[in-house]
């Protein structure tokens, strides 16, 4: 018997091995499961979002793509939110994704902005508060998904904290990439049409039987606590304040000749007026002062009520 050598040992075809072990399916079979799940999302999610938020959010199936998981996630781009998710007895590792514009728009509407006044946001990296809104969106999709795939045991999905795709760590080279399918759903809110995606290993989809959910979104308090949760998150957020003090007017000739050590007087002779703002929005009218070794400002008036100030900061 001839001993094997480097010249006659060849790696096994990856796709063939995956197909033989049930980790890769044909396009028709995978497509049928993706389509069935997409139709479930389309049927049930609009009513759930309407019940929870009072908003008309349109959901539609937008097809599927297949490939290696890492490639499918990369193809989503960098201006999306991702959540690493698991559902016991169905899939130990799959992903949820949502474009940033619809998340930004939903946050603005929940903070009181009318849809008619909102312009479609450009895709961008999301803030911590906006990622909180993404959590609530992902929870609704995961709730429908759990009931549609009828995973034994009735376990709840485990959603990882949403994060920006640009912050996703590089794949671990020690963990084998798996053939997956990306199920795409359109999400329409006012002027914004975005995409929500579910990236699932094909090995899982090949064993999945889609059923029509019963009681999805029921036993949930109408308009539950989205607004309250969002307001609490806003109130906990750290905001950088800036103070602006008006100085005496100087000629351009004088300004051009100023040197270190020169002094420019305040415009006001007694109580020095200070305008305090955050994110470019005026919040308070203050007077300049000092407390011990620290310079301070004392609030004399505000630009609106407490809610006005919150909306100013988030606007």
Protein backbone atom coordinates (compact mmCIF):
# COMPACT_ATOMS: atom_id res chain seq x y z
CA UNK A 1 0.00 0.00 0.00
CA UNK A 2 1.36 3.35 -1.01
CA UNK A 3 1.95 5.78 1.82
CA UNK A 4 0.03 9.10 1.42
CA UNK A 5 2.17 12.07 0.47
CA UNK A 6 1.61 15.78 0.08
CA UNK A 7 1.20 15.22 -3.65
CA UNK A 8 -1.77 12.84 -3.41
CA UNK A 9 -3.62 14.28 -0.37
CA UNK A 10 -6.27 16.85 -1.36
CA UNK A 11 -8.66 18.81 0.87
CA UNK A 12 -12.29 17.69 0.74
CA UNK A 13 -14.52 20.08 -1.20
CA UNK A 14 -16.05 22.36 1.42
CA UNK A 15 -19.43 22.81 -0.27
CA UNK A 16 -19.79 19.10 -0.95
CA UNK A 17 -18.97 18.26 2.66
CA UNK A 18 -21.49 20.84 3.91
CA UNK A 19 -24.17 19.41 1.62
CA UNK A 20 -23.42 15.85 2.76
CA UNK A 21 -23.66 16.82 6.44
CA UNK A 22 -26.90 18.82 6.11
CA UNK A 23 -25.27 22.24 6.48
CA UNK A 24 -25.99 23.43 2.93
CA UNK A 25 -29.28 23.20 1.06
CA UNK A 26 -30.47 23.86 -2.45
CA UNK A 27 -31.80 27.30 -3.33
CA UNK A 28 -35.39 26.14 -3.78
CA UNK A 29 -35.65 24.50 -0.36
CA UNK A 30 -33.95 27.35 1.49
CA UNK A 31 -35.96 29.92 -0.47
CA UNK A 32 -39.27 28.28 0.45
CA UNK A 33 -38.48 28.43 4.18
CA UNK A 34 -37.25 32.03 3.91
CA UNK A 35 -40.40 33.04 2.00
CA UNK A 36 -42.71 31.34 4.52
CA UNK A 37 -40.99 33.09 7.41
CA UNK A 38 -41.08 36.41 5.54
CA UNK A 39 -44.82 36.08 5.02
CA UNK A 40 -45.28 35.47 8.77
CA UNK A 41 -43.35 38.64 9.56
CA UNK A 42 -45.42 40.59 7.01
CA UNK A 43 -48.69 39.35 8.45
CA UNK A 44 -48.11 39.75 12.17
CA UNK A 45 -45.57 42.52 12.77
CA UNK A 46 -47.55 45.55 11.51
CA UNK A 47 -50.32 44.92 14.07
CA UNK A 48 -47.78 44.34 16.84
CA UNK A 49 -45.96 47.60 16.11
CA UNK A 50 -49.27 49.44 15.84
CA UNK A 51 -50.34 48.08 19.22
CA UNK A 52 -47.01 48.89 20.87
CA UNK A 53 -46.27 52.30 19.37
CA UNK A 54 -49.47 53.58 17.77
CA UNK A 55 -47.55 53.92 14.49
CA UNK A 56 -48.31 52.40 11.10
CA UNK A 57 -45.16 50.47 10.22
CA UNK A 58 -45.27 48.58 6.91
CA UNK A 59 -43.48 45.21 6.75
CA UNK A 60 -42.82 43.27 3.54
CA UNK A 61 -40.77 40.28 2.41
CA UNK A 62 -37.83 41.36 0.21
CA UNK A 63 -36.22 38.05 -0.73
CA UNK A 64 -33.19 36.18 0.57
CA UNK A 65 -29.49 35.71 -0.07
CA UNK A 66 -27.22 32.75 0.64
CA UNK A 67 -23.52 32.47 1.40
CA UNK A 68 -21.09 32.24 4.27
CA UNK A 69 -22.29 33.99 7.41
CA UNK A 70 -19.35 36.42 7.62
CA UNK A 71 -19.84 37.48 3.99
CA UNK A 72 -23.58 38.00 4.40
CA UNK A 73 -23.05 40.23 7.44
CA UNK A 74 -20.33 42.22 5.65
CA UNK A 75 -22.66 42.76 2.69
CA UNK A 76 -25.16 44.49 5.01
CA UNK A 77 -22.79 47.46 5.24
CA UNK A 78 -21.57 49.44 8.24
CA UNK A 79 -24.61 51.68 8.88
CA UNK A 80 -26.72 48.91 10.44
CA UNK A 81 -27.40 47.69 13.96
CA UNK A 82 -26.68 44.03 14.71
CA UNK A 83 -27.69 41.69 17.51
CA UNK A 84 -26.11 38.29 18.18
CA UNK A 85 -29.10 36.12 19.06
CA UNK A 86 -29.91 32.56 20.17
CA UNK A 87 -33.08 30.52 20.50
CA UNK A 88 -32.78 27.32 22.47
CA UNK A 89 -33.78 24.15 20.61
CA UNK A 90 -33.67 26.00 17.29
CA UNK A 91 -30.49 28.01 16.61
CA UNK A 92 -27.70 28.63 19.15
CA UNK A 93 -26.22 31.44 17.07
CA UNK A 94 -27.98 33.66 14.52
CA UNK A 95 -28.09 37.40 13.86
CA UNK A 96 -30.62 40.19 13.54
CA UNK A 97 -29.88 43.36 11.59
CA UNK A 98 -31.68 46.65 10.90
CA UNK A 99 -30.74 49.69 8.81
CA UNK A 100 -30.09 52.83 10.86
CA UNK A 101 -32.55 55.27 9.13
CA UNK A 102 -35.73 53.57 10.38
CA UNK A 103 -34.32 53.34 13.91
CA UNK A 104 -33.47 57.05 13.90
CA UNK A 105 -36.93 57.91 12.56
CA UNK A 106 -38.71 55.72 15.12
CA UNK A 107 -36.82 57.40 17.96
CA UNK A 108 -37.78 60.86 16.67
CA UNK A 109 -41.47 59.91 16.46
CA UNK A 110 -41.46 58.38 19.94
CA UNK A 111 -40.02 61.67 21.21
CA UNK A 112 -42.97 63.53 19.72
CA UNK A 113 -41.88 64.58 16.23
CA UNK A 114 -44.73 64.25 13.67
CA UNK A 115 -43.90 61.95 10.76
CA UNK A 116 -44.83 64.69 8.30
CA UNK A 117 -41.96 66.84 9.59
CA UNK A 118 -39.26 64.15 9.42
CA UNK A 119 -36.87 63.97 6.50
CA UNK A 120 -35.30 60.62 5.66
CA UNK A 121 -32.08 60.34 7.70
CA UNK A 122 -28.83 59.35 6.06
CA UNK A 123 -27.43 55.95 7.12
CA UNK A 124 -24.92 56.42 9.94
CA UNK A 125 -23.54 54.95 13.14
CA UNK A 126 -26.16 54.85 15.91
CA UNK A 127 -25.91 56.43 19.36
CA UNK A 128 -26.41 54.46 22.58
CA UNK A 129 -30.00 55.72 22.86
CA UNK A 130 -30.77 54.75 19.27
CA UNK A 131 -29.35 51.28 19.91
CA UNK A 132 -31.86 51.02 22.77
CA UNK A 133 -34.61 51.62 20.22
CA UNK A 134 -33.06 48.90 18.04
CA UNK A 135 -33.40 46.52 21.00
CA UNK A 136 -37.15 47.08 21.06
CA UNK A 137 -37.43 46.47 17.30
CA UNK A 138 -35.36 43.29 17.52
CA UNK A 139 -37.49 42.00 20.41
CA UNK A 140 -40.65 42.19 18.28
CA UNK A 141 -39.07 40.37 15.34
CA UNK A 142 -37.62 37.73 17.67
CA UNK A 143 -41.00 37.24 19.37
CA UNK A 144 -42.68 36.45 16.05
CA UNK A 145 -39.74 34.30 14.94
CA UNK A 146 -39.92 32.21 18.10
CA UNK A 147 -43.58 31.40 17.55
CA UNK A 148 -43.23 30.84 13.79
CA UNK A 149 -40.48 28.22 14.02
CA UNK A 150 -42.22 26.48 16.93
CA UNK A 151 -38.97 25.68 18.77
CA UNK A 152 -39.68 22.93 21.36
CA UNK A 153 -39.80 23.99 24.98
CA UNK A 154 -41.24 27.47 24.51
CA UNK A 155 -37.96 29.19 25.37
CA UNK A 156 -37.54 32.95 24.90
CA UNK A 157 -34.94 34.26 22.45
CA UNK A 158 -31.71 35.53 23.99
CA UNK A 159 -30.87 38.85 22.32
CA UNK A 160 -27.41 40.29 22.65
CA UNK A 161 -27.06 44.03 23.16
CA UNK A 162 -27.36 45.70 19.71
CA UNK A 163 -24.18 47.24 18.35
CA UNK A 164 -23.08 49.09 15.24
CA UNK A 165 -21.84 46.85 12.42
CA UNK A 166 -18.71 49.00 12.22
CA UNK A 167 -17.90 47.87 15.78
CA UNK A 168 -18.27 44.16 15.02
CA UNK A 169 -15.05 42.32 15.93
CA UNK A 170 -13.19 40.37 13.28
CA UNK A 171 -14.32 36.72 12.98
CA UNK A 172 -12.38 34.23 15.09
CA UNK A 173 -10.23 32.22 12.66
CA UNK A 174 -10.58 29.19 14.95
CA UNK A 175 -14.38 29.14 14.46
CA UNK A 176 -15.55 27.69 11.16
CA UNK A 177 -17.69 29.98 9.01
CA UNK A 178 -21.08 28.43 8.23
CA UNK A 179 -23.32 28.55 5.19
CA UNK A 180 -26.27 30.75 6.04
CA UNK A 181 -29.25 32.55 4.54
CA UNK A 182 -30.08 36.23 4.95
CA UNK A 183 -33.86 36.81 5.06
CA UNK A 184 -34.61 40.43 4.14
CA UNK A 185 -37.69 42.40 5.17
CA UNK A 186 -38.59 45.96 4.17
CA UNK A 187 -39.59 48.21 7.07
CA UNK A 188 -41.47 51.36 6.10
CA UNK A 189 -42.16 54.24 8.48
CA UNK A 190 -43.33 57.56 7.06
CA UNK A 191 -40.81 58.69 4.42
CA UNK A 192 -38.29 56.00 5.36
CA UNK A 193 -37.95 52.55 3.79
CA UNK A 194 -35.26 50.42 5.43
CA UNK A 195 -34.32 46.76 5.59
CA UNK A 196 -34.47 44.34 8.49
CA UNK A 197 -32.58 41.05 8.10
CA UNK A 198 -32.34 37.70 9.86
CA UNK A 199 -29.14 35.73 9.19
CA UNK A 200 -29.64 32.04 10.01
CA UNK A 201 -27.41 28.99 9.38
CA UNK A 202 -28.79 26.87 6.54
CA UNK A 203 -28.36 23.81 8.76
CA UNK A 204 -31.04 25.31 11.01
CA UNK A 205 -33.37 26.32 8.17
CA UNK A 206 -33.25 22.85 6.62
CA UNK A 207 -34.74 21.44 9.82
CA UNK A 208 -37.28 24.24 10.32
CA UNK A 209 -41.00 23.90 9.78
CA UNK A 210 -42.79 27.26 9.68
CA UNK A 211 -46.13 27.43 11.47
CA UNK A 212 -48.62 30.27 11.81
CA UNK A 213 -48.11 31.84 15.25
CA UNK A 214 -50.94 31.94 17.76
CA UNK A 215 -51.18 34.69 20.35
CA UNK A 216 -48.12 36.58 19.16
CA UNK A 217 -48.22 40.03 20.69
CA UNK A 218 -51.25 39.11 22.79
CA UNK A 219 -51.15 39.43 26.56
CA UNK A 220 -49.04 42.50 26.00
CA UNK A 221 -50.13 45.82 27.40
CA UNK A 222 -51.13 48.16 24.53
CA UNK A 223 -48.60 50.93 23.93
CA UNK A 224 -46.63 49.11 26.62
CA UNK A 225 -43.58 50.99 27.83
CA UNK A 226 -41.70 52.07 24.71
CA UNK A 227 -42.12 55.78 25.40
CA UNK A 228 -41.41 55.40 29.11
CA UNK A 229 -38.33 53.25 28.47
CA UNK A 230 -37.00 55.69 25.89
CA UNK A 231 -37.59 58.73 28.11
CA UNK A 232 -35.78 57.04 30.99
CA UNK A 233 -32.83 56.28 28.71
CA UNK A 234 -32.74 59.90 27.53
CA UNK A 235 -32.76 61.16 31.10
CA UNK A 236 -29.82 58.90 32.02
CA UNK A 237 -27.70 59.99 29.09
CA UNK A 238 -24.69 62.23 29.70
CA UNK A 239 -24.85 65.47 27.71
CA UNK A 240 -21.97 67.87 27.05
CA UNK A 241 -22.93 71.47 27.86
CA UNK A 242 -21.28 74.55 26.38
CA UNK A 243 -21.38 78.10 27.74
CA UNK A 244 -21.03 81.15 25.51
CA UNK A 245 -20.17 84.59 26.89
CA UNK A 246 -20.40 87.74 24.78
CA UNK A 247 -17.22 89.84 24.77
CA UNK A 248 -16.75 93.52 23.95
CA UNK A 249 -16.65 94.36 20.25
CA UNK A 250 -13.19 94.96 18.83
CA UNK A 251 -12.04 96.14 15.44
CA UNK A 252 -10.56 93.59 13.09
CA UNK A 253 -7.25 95.49 13.25
CA UNK A 254 -7.15 95.13 17.06
CA UNK A 255 -8.09 91.44 16.92
CA UNK A 256 -5.32 90.68 14.42
CA UNK A 257 -2.71 92.17 16.78
CA UNK A 258 -3.78 90.41 20.00
CA UNK A 259 -0.97 88.52 21.76
CA UNK A 260 -0.78 86.06 24.69
CA UNK A 261 -1.45 88.00 27.90
CA UNK A 262 -3.78 90.58 26.32
CA UNK A 263 -7.22 90.91 27.97
CA UNK A 264 -10.64 91.17 26.30
CA UNK A 265 -13.37 92.49 28.66
CA UNK A 266 -16.84 90.91 28.95
CA UNK A 267 -19.62 92.80 27.18
CA UNK A 268 -21.66 93.10 30.40
CA UNK A 269 -20.43 95.42 33.13
CA UNK A 270 -22.07 93.69 36.14
CA UNK A 271 -23.89 90.35 35.93
CA UNK A 272 -22.22 88.66 32.95
CA UNK A 273 -24.84 86.97 30.75
CA UNK A 274 -24.03 83.38 29.66
CA UNK A 275 -25.89 81.26 27.10
CA UNK A 276 -25.70 77.51 27.83
CA UNK A 277 -26.42 75.02 25.04
CA UNK A 278 -26.16 71.32 24.21
CA UNK A 279 -25.94 69.86 20.71
CA UNK A 280 -26.25 73.41 19.36
CA UNK A 281 -29.60 73.97 21.14
CA UNK A 282 -30.00 76.85 23.59
CA UNK A 283 -31.10 75.57 27.02
CA UNK A 284 -30.46 78.17 29.72
CA UNK A 285 -29.76 81.84 30.29
CA UNK A 286 -27.20 82.15 33.09
CA UNK A 287 -24.96 84.63 34.87
CA UNK A 288 -21.23 84.15 35.23
CA UNK A 289 -19.78 83.65 38.73
CA UNK A 290 -17.31 81.82 40.90
CA UNK A 291 -17.50 79.26 43.72
CA UNK A 292 -14.20 78.74 45.52
CA UNK A 293 -11.55 77.89 42.97
CA UNK A 294 -14.08 77.06 40.25
CA UNK A 295 -15.80 79.35 37.80
CA UNK A 296 -19.56 78.72 37.60
CA UNK A 297 -22.76 79.80 35.90
CA UNK A 298 -26.02 80.42 37.77
CA UNK A 299 -29.24 79.62 35.88
CA UNK A 300 -31.55 82.62 35.59
CA UNK A 301 -34.01 81.40 32.95
CA UNK A 302 -34.69 78.41 30.67
CA UNK A 303 -35.59 78.04 27.01
CA UNK A 304 -38.86 76.15 27.56
CA UNK A 305 -40.25 73.48 29.85
CA UNK A 306 -38.58 70.26 31.00
CA UNK A 307 -40.03 68.33 28.03
CA UNK A 308 -39.03 71.14 25.65
CA UNK A 309 -35.44 70.88 26.84
CA UNK A 310 -35.42 67.07 26.40
CA UNK A 311 -36.73 67.43 22.85
CA UNK A 312 -34.24 70.24 22.14
CA UNK A 313 -31.33 68.02 23.18
CA UNK A 314 -32.55 65.05 21.14
CA UNK A 315 -33.59 67.13 18.10
